[in-house]
Amino acid sequence: MLSDRFPQRIVRFLDDGSLSEPAGDRPVAFVHINKTAGTTFSRYLSEHFPGANAVAPPFFGDFDEMGIHDTERRLFQGHFTYAQFAAQRSDVLFISCLRDPVQRVISQYRSLHNPHNVGGGWEKVLPPHARKALKFAQQANFEDFVTSEDPFIVGHLLDLQTRCLSSFPDVSDERFVMSAKQNLERSLLFFGITESFDESIRLFQYQMGSQRPYVVEDHQRNISQ
């Protein structure tokens, strides 16, 4: 029943204030941008969707495998871009998290540099050249990492957050940056800020009508020291 589903109501922010409206029968799509506290947030987010089939499998490059058109799926999450998911279906509530770009890059290096952080299934779908680049990242110092011209490394560094949020994936497109800004303002129901994580959780709870307290065990956090 719809009454048993989350969210039941949502709050949108308009220029002249806020608007509360029924959520309808729309699932949630979480655009998980690397190193923005997304792993921590996604675990909390998943707790809102009880049922074995409510949370779709993580996205590893194939939307069909995650059951994107399965009506039982209420939450989709993974390292897909807004444009990729919107091309498949748009009747969803898009959410995401952002981070200071410099801090995100530093965290990205620490994550790829640490072989213990490789896991979860995504590395199994990497092509040979990406596997080679990942091995380089595990051995490189920070300067060599950020100055690398390898496409796999560059893809994790250059304009990553904008590429995840823009409707135009070509960085040379004059609409590239503006589109990402407009999507944040008009197309995403909610986005959090890593540097203001506690405040972001409270905002999420307000906009999505969540009564669930935020509690994530330390061993579930994907944090690079």
Foldseek 3Di string as FASTA:
>chain_A
DLVLAFQQWFWFADPVGIDIDGLPLAAEEEQEQAQQQSLLVVVVVVVRQDDPLQDFQADQPDCVNRVLPDSSHRYYYYNAAPLVSVVVPQRHAYEYEDEDQVVRLVQVLLQLLDPVNPDDPNVVPDDPLLVVVSVVSVVDDSVCQVPDPRPNSCCSRPCVLLCRQANDNPPPPPCSNVRSVVCCRPVHRAYHYSVPVVVRVVVVCRRRVDPDDRDDDPVSGSGRD
